Amino acid sequence: MLSCPTITAVRRGRTQIRERAGWWRDEAEARVHLFTAAGMRDALKGFDFNQALDVLQAEGALVAPGAGGERAMPQRIGKRPTRVYQIFPEKLLIVRASQ
């Protein structure tokens, strides 16, 4: 789901990309994926969108909604504020010692 080839790093410079799914950035503890609304809908294709967001949030992979109930949070990408869904993929890893 998160290995979409149209996700690119947030960095300075101008690269024009069409049909962007989002960006990613490295933080001290992990990589965070920043999905556009269209990119998130594409990644969750085949699932009920709101239910899938609920599951991602329950697992800690999606930031909780803001005061207005919006799950897409504004982030400055380049010089423009852009609403993105912040996904923490490491929260989705399942380690089973018994298998």
N, C-alpha and C. Protein backbone atom coordinates (compact mmCIF):
# COMPACT_ATOMS: atom_id res chain seq x y z
N MET A 1 0.82 -1.19 0.00
CA MET A 1 0.00 0.00 0.00
C MET A 1 0.87 1.25 0.00
N LEU A 2 1.93 1.30 0.77
CA LEU A 2 2.70 2.52 0.92
C LEU A 2 3.90 2.59 -0.01
N SER A 3 4.03 1.65 -0.92
CA SER A 3 5.17 1.68 -1.81
C SER A 3 4.82 2.28 -3.16
N CYS A 4 3.88 3.18 -3.16
CA CYS A 4 3.42 3.82 -4.39
C CYS A 4 4.56 4.58 -5.05
N PRO A 5 4.81 4.36 -6.35
CA PRO A 5 5.94 5.03 -6.99
C PRO A 5 5.76 6.53 -7.15
N THR A 6 4.56 7.05 -6.92
CA THR A 6 4.37 8.49 -7.06
C THR A 6 4.53 9.22 -5.73
N ILE A 7 4.99 8.54 -4.70
CA ILE A 7 5.31 9.21 -3.44
C ILE A 7 6.77 9.62 -3.51
N THR A 8 7.04 10.89 -3.27
CA THR A 8 8.42 11.38 -3.35
C THR A 8 8.80 12.08 -2.06
N ALA A 9 10.06 12.24 -1.86
CA ALA A 9 10.57 12.87 -0.65
C ALA A 9 10.23 14.36 -0.63
N VAL A 10 9.97 14.86 0.56
CA VAL A 10 9.76 16.30 0.74
C VAL A 10 11.15 16.92 0.84
N ARG A 11 11.50 17.71 -0.11
CA ARG A 11 12.80 18.38 -0.09
C ARG A 11 12.73 19.62 -0.96
N ARG A 12 13.72 20.42 -0.85
CA ARG A 12 13.75 21.65 -1.65
C ARG A 12 14.07 21.33 -3.09
N GLY A 13 13.55 22.13 -3.96
CA GLY A 13 13.79 21.89 -5.38
C GLY A 13 12.46 21.78 -6.11
N ARG A 14 12.53 21.81 -7.38
CA ARG A 14 11.31 21.77 -8.18
C ARG A 14 11.34 20.58 -9.11
N THR A 15 10.53 19.61 -8.79
CA THR A 15 10.34 18.47 -9.65
C THR A 15 8.85 18.39 -9.93
N GLN A 16 8.46 18.45 -11.16
CA GLN A 16 7.05 18.38 -11.48
C GLN A 16 6.63 16.93 -11.65
N ILE A 17 5.64 16.54 -10.88
CA ILE A 17 5.13 15.17 -10.92
C ILE A 17 3.63 15.25 -11.10
N ARG A 18 3.11 14.46 -12.00
CA ARG A 18 1.67 14.42 -12.22
C ARG A 18 1.09 13.23 -11.50
N GLU A 19 -0.16 13.35 -11.09
CA GLU A 19 -0.87 12.28 -10.38
C GLU A 19 -0.13 11.84 -9.13
N ARG A 20 0.26 12.80 -8.34
CA ARG A 20 1.02 12.54 -7.12
C ARG A 20 0.11 11.89 -6.07
N ALA A 21 0.62 10.84 -5.42
CA ALA A 21 -0.09 10.20 -4.31
C ALA A 21 0.30 10.86 -2.99
N GLY A 22 1.49 11.45 -2.94
CA GLY A 22 1.91 12.08 -1.71
C GLY A 22 3.41 12.24 -1.64
N TRP A 23 3.90 12.40 -0.43
CA TRP A 23 5.31 12.62 -0.16
C TRP A 23 5.68 11.76 1.04
N TRP A 24 6.95 11.74 1.36
CA TRP A 24 7.38 11.15 2.62
C TRP A 24 8.47 12.02 3.20
N ARG A 25 8.63 11.89 4.51
CA ARG A 25 9.73 12.60 5.17
C ARG A 25 10.26 11.69 6.28
N ASP A 26 11.53 11.79 6.51
CA ASP A 26 12.16 11.03 7.57
C ASP A 26 12.17 11.88 8.83
N GLU A 27 11.67 11.29 9.90
CA GLU A 27 11.74 11.92 11.21
C GLU A 27 12.76 11.14 12.03
N ALA A 28 13.06 11.59 13.21
CA ALA A 28 14.09 10.95 14.03
C ALA A 28 13.78 9.47 14.26
N GLU A 29 12.53 9.15 14.50
CA GLU A 29 12.20 7.77 14.85
C GLU A 29 11.71 6.92 13.69
N ALA A 30 11.22 7.53 12.61
CA ALA A 30 10.66 6.73 11.51
C ALA A 30 10.35 7.60 10.30
N ARG A 31 10.00 6.94 9.22
CA ARG A 31 9.54 7.62 8.01
C ARG A 31 8.03 7.83 8.12
N VAL A 32 7.58 9.02 7.72
CA VAL A 32 6.15 9.35 7.71
C VAL A 32 5.73 9.55 6.26
N HIS A 33 4.65 8.89 5.87
CA HIS A 33 4.10 9.06 4.53
C HIS A 33 3.00 10.10 4.59
N LEU A 34 3.00 11.02 3.65
CA LEU A 34 2.03 12.12 3.59
C LEU A 34 1.20 11.94 2.32
N PHE A 35 0.01 11.38 2.47
CA PHE A 35 -0.85 11.10 1.33
C PHE A 35 -1.79 12.26 1.03
N THR A 36 -1.92 12.60 -0.24
CA THR A 36 -2.97 13.52 -0.66
C THR A 36 -4.31 12.78 -0.51
N ALA A 37 -5.41 13.50 -0.60
CA ALA A 37 -6.73 12.86 -0.51
C ALA A 37 -6.89 11.84 -1.64
N ALA A 38 -6.51 12.22 -2.84
CA ALA A 38 -6.63 11.29 -3.97
C ALA A 38 -5.70 10.09 -3.80
N GLY A 39 -4.50 10.32 -3.31
CA GLY A 39 -3.56 9.24 -3.07
C GLY A 39 -4.05 8.27 -2.02
N MET A 40 -4.67 8.80 -0.96
CA MET A 40 -5.20 7.95 0.10
C MET A 40 -6.37 7.12 -0.42
N ARG A 41 -7.24 7.76 -1.19
CA ARG A 41 -8.37 7.03 -1.77
C ARG A 41 -7.88 5.92 -2.70
N ASP A 42 -6.84 6.19 -3.46
CA ASP A 42 -6.29 5.19 -4.36
C ASP A 42 -5.67 4.04 -3.56
N ALA A 43 -4.93 4.37 -2.50
CA ALA A 43 -4.30 3.34 -1.67
C ALA A 43 -5.32 2.46 -0.97
N LEU A 44 -6.49 3.02 -0.66
CA LEU A 44 -7.52 2.27 0.06
C LEU A 44 -8.61 1.75 -0.87
N LYS A 45 -8.35 1.79 -2.15
CA LYS A 45 -9.34 1.32 -3.13
C LYS A 45 -9.74 -0.12 -2.79
N GLY A 46 -11.04 -0.37 -2.81
CA GLY A 46 -11.56 -1.70 -2.49
C GLY A 46 -12.00 -1.81 -1.04
N PHE A 47 -11.69 -0.82 -0.23
CA PHE A 47 -12.11 -0.79 1.17
C PHE A 47 -13.06 0.38 1.37
N ASP A 48 -13.92 0.29 2.36
CA ASP A 48 -14.73 1.44 2.75
C ASP A 48 -13.76 2.50 3.28
N PHE A 49 -13.75 3.67 2.67
CA PHE A 49 -12.75 4.69 2.96
C PHE A 49 -12.74 5.09 4.44
N ASN A 50 -13.89 5.48 4.98
CA ASN A 50 -13.93 5.95 6.37
C ASN A 50 -13.64 4.83 7.35
N GLN A 51 -14.10 3.63 7.06
CA GLN A 51 -13.81 2.50 7.93
C GLN A 51 -12.32 2.18 7.92
N ALA A 52 -11.69 2.25 6.75
CA ALA A 52 -10.25 2.02 6.67
C ALA A 52 -9.48 3.08 7.45
N LEU A 53 -9.91 4.34 7.37
CA LEU A 53 -9.27 5.39 8.16
C LEU A 53 -9.44 5.13 9.65
N ASP A 54 -10.61 4.63 10.05
CA ASP A 54 -10.84 4.28 11.46
C ASP A 54 -9.85 3.22 11.92
N VAL A 55 -9.64 2.19 11.09
CA VAL A 55 -8.71 1.12 11.43
C VAL A 55 -7.28 1.66 11.53
N LEU A 56 -6.88 2.46 10.56
CA LEU A 56 -5.54 3.05 10.60
C LEU A 56 -5.34 3.90 11.85
N GLN A 57 -6.36 4.66 12.22
CA GLN A 57 -6.28 5.48 13.42
C GLN A 57 -6.22 4.61 14.67
N ALA A 58 -7.04 3.56 14.74
CA ALA A 58 -7.06 2.68 15.91
C ALA A 58 -5.71 1.99 16.11
N GLU A 59 -5.00 1.71 15.02
CA GLU A 59 -3.69 1.07 15.09
C GLU A 59 -2.56 2.07 15.35
N GLY A 60 -2.89 3.36 15.38
CA GLY A 60 -1.88 4.38 15.61
C GLY A 60 -1.11 4.77 14.36
N ALA A 61 -1.55 4.28 13.21
CA ALA A 61 -0.85 4.59 11.96
C ALA A 61 -1.31 5.89 11.34
N LEU A 62 -2.45 6.41 11.77
CA LEU A 62 -3.00 7.67 11.27
C LEU A 62 -3.20 8.61 12.45
N VAL A 63 -2.78 9.83 12.27
CA VAL A 63 -2.93 10.85 13.31
C VAL A 63 -4.42 11.06 13.60
N ALA A 64 -4.77 11.22 14.86
CA ALA A 64 -6.16 11.47 15.26
C ALA A 64 -6.66 12.77 14.64
N PRO A 65 -7.97 12.86 14.40
CA PRO A 65 -8.53 14.07 13.78
C PRO A 65 -8.26 15.32 14.63
N GLY A 66 -8.20 16.44 13.94
CA GLY A 66 -8.03 17.72 14.63
C GLY A 66 -9.33 18.16 15.27
N ALA A 67 -9.36 19.37 15.76
CA ALA A 67 -10.53 19.90 16.47
C ALA A 67 -11.77 19.91 15.59
N GLY A 68 -11.62 20.11 14.30
CA GLY A 68 -12.75 20.13 13.38
C GLY A 68 -13.16 18.76 12.88
N GLY A 69 -12.49 17.71 13.35
CA GLY A 69 -12.81 16.36 12.92
C GLY A 69 -12.13 15.93 11.63
N GLU A 70 -11.30 16.79 11.07
CA GLU A 70 -10.61 16.47 9.81
C GLU A 70 -9.39 15.59 10.09
N ARG A 71 -9.25 14.53 9.32
CA ARG A 71 -8.09 13.64 9.48
C ARG A 71 -6.92 14.08 8.62
N ALA A 72 -7.19 14.77 7.54
CA ALA A 72 -6.11 15.31 6.70
C ALA A 72 -5.64 16.60 7.36
N MET A 73 -4.37 16.64 7.67
CA MET A 73 -3.79 17.78 8.39
C MET A 73 -2.98 18.65 7.44
N PRO A 74 -3.00 19.97 7.67
CA PRO A 74 -2.19 20.84 6.81
C PRO A 74 -0.70 20.68 7.11
N GLN A 75 0.07 20.54 6.05
CA GLN A 75 1.53 20.47 6.13
C GLN A 75 2.09 21.41 5.09
N ARG A 76 3.20 22.02 5.39
CA ARG A 76 3.84 22.88 4.40
C ARG A 76 4.71 22.00 3.51
N ILE A 77 4.32 21.91 2.25
CA ILE A 77 5.08 21.16 1.25
C ILE A 77 5.64 22.20 0.30
N GLY A 78 6.95 22.33 0.30
CA GLY A 78 7.55 23.43 -0.44
C GLY A 78 7.16 24.72 0.26
N LYS A 79 6.50 25.59 -0.44
CA LYS A 79 6.06 26.85 0.17
C LYS A 79 4.55 26.91 0.35
N ARG A 80 3.86 25.80 0.02
CA ARG A 80 2.39 25.82 0.07
C ARG A 80 1.85 24.91 1.15
N PRO A 81 0.84 25.37 1.89
CA PRO A 81 0.18 24.45 2.82
C PRO A 81 -0.68 23.46 2.03
N THR A 82 -0.55 22.19 2.36
CA THR A 82 -1.26 21.13 1.67
C THR A 82 -1.86 20.20 2.71
N ARG A 83 -3.11 19.83 2.53
CA ARG A 83 -3.76 18.89 3.46
C ARG A 83 -3.35 17.47 3.09
N VAL A 84 -2.79 16.75 4.06
CA VAL A 84 -2.32 15.39 3.82
C VAL A 84 -2.72 14.49 4.99
N TYR A 85 -2.82 13.21 4.68
CA TYR A 85 -3.01 12.17 5.70
C TYR A 85 -1.61 11.69 6.09
N GLN A 86 -1.28 11.80 7.37
CA GLN A 86 0.03 11.37 7.85
C GLN A 86 -0.06 9.92 8.28
N ILE A 87 0.69 9.06 7.60
CA ILE A 87 0.67 7.63 7.89
C ILE A 87 2.03 7.20 8.43
N PHE A 88 2.00 6.48 9.54
CA PHE A 88 3.19 5.94 10.18
C PHE A 88 3.20 4.43 9.93
N PRO A 89 3.86 3.98 8.85
CA PRO A 89 3.76 2.57 8.45
C PRO A 89 4.32 1.58 9.48
N GLU A 90 5.27 2.00 10.30
CA GLU A 90 5.83 1.06 11.28
C GLU A 90 4.78 0.60 12.29
N LYS A 91 3.71 1.37 12.46
CA LYS A 91 2.63 1.00 13.37
C LYS A 91 1.82 -0.17 12.81
N LEU A 92 1.98 -0.47 11.52
CA LEU A 92 1.22 -1.52 10.89
C LEU A 92 1.97 -2.85 10.84
N LEU A 93 3.22 -2.85 11.28
CA LEU A 93 4.00 -4.08 11.28
C LEU A 93 3.56 -4.99 12.41
N ILE A 94 3.39 -6.25 12.08
CA ILE A 94 2.96 -7.23 13.09
C ILE A 94 4.09 -8.24 13.25
N VAL A 95 4.56 -8.37 14.47
CA VAL A 95 5.61 -9.33 14.77
C VAL A 95 4.98 -10.43 15.61
N ARG A 96 5.08 -11.68 15.11
CA ARG A 96 4.51 -12.82 15.84
C ARG A 96 5.64 -13.77 16.19
N ALA A 97 5.98 -13.79 17.45
CA ALA A 97 7.09 -14.62 17.92
C ALA A 97 6.75 -16.11 17.84
N SER A 98 5.50 -16.47 17.92
CA SER A 98 5.11 -17.87 17.94
C SER A 98 5.09 -18.51 16.56
N GLN A 99 5.28 -17.76 15.50
CA GLN A 99 5.21 -18.34 14.15
C GLN A 99 6.56 -18.52 13.55
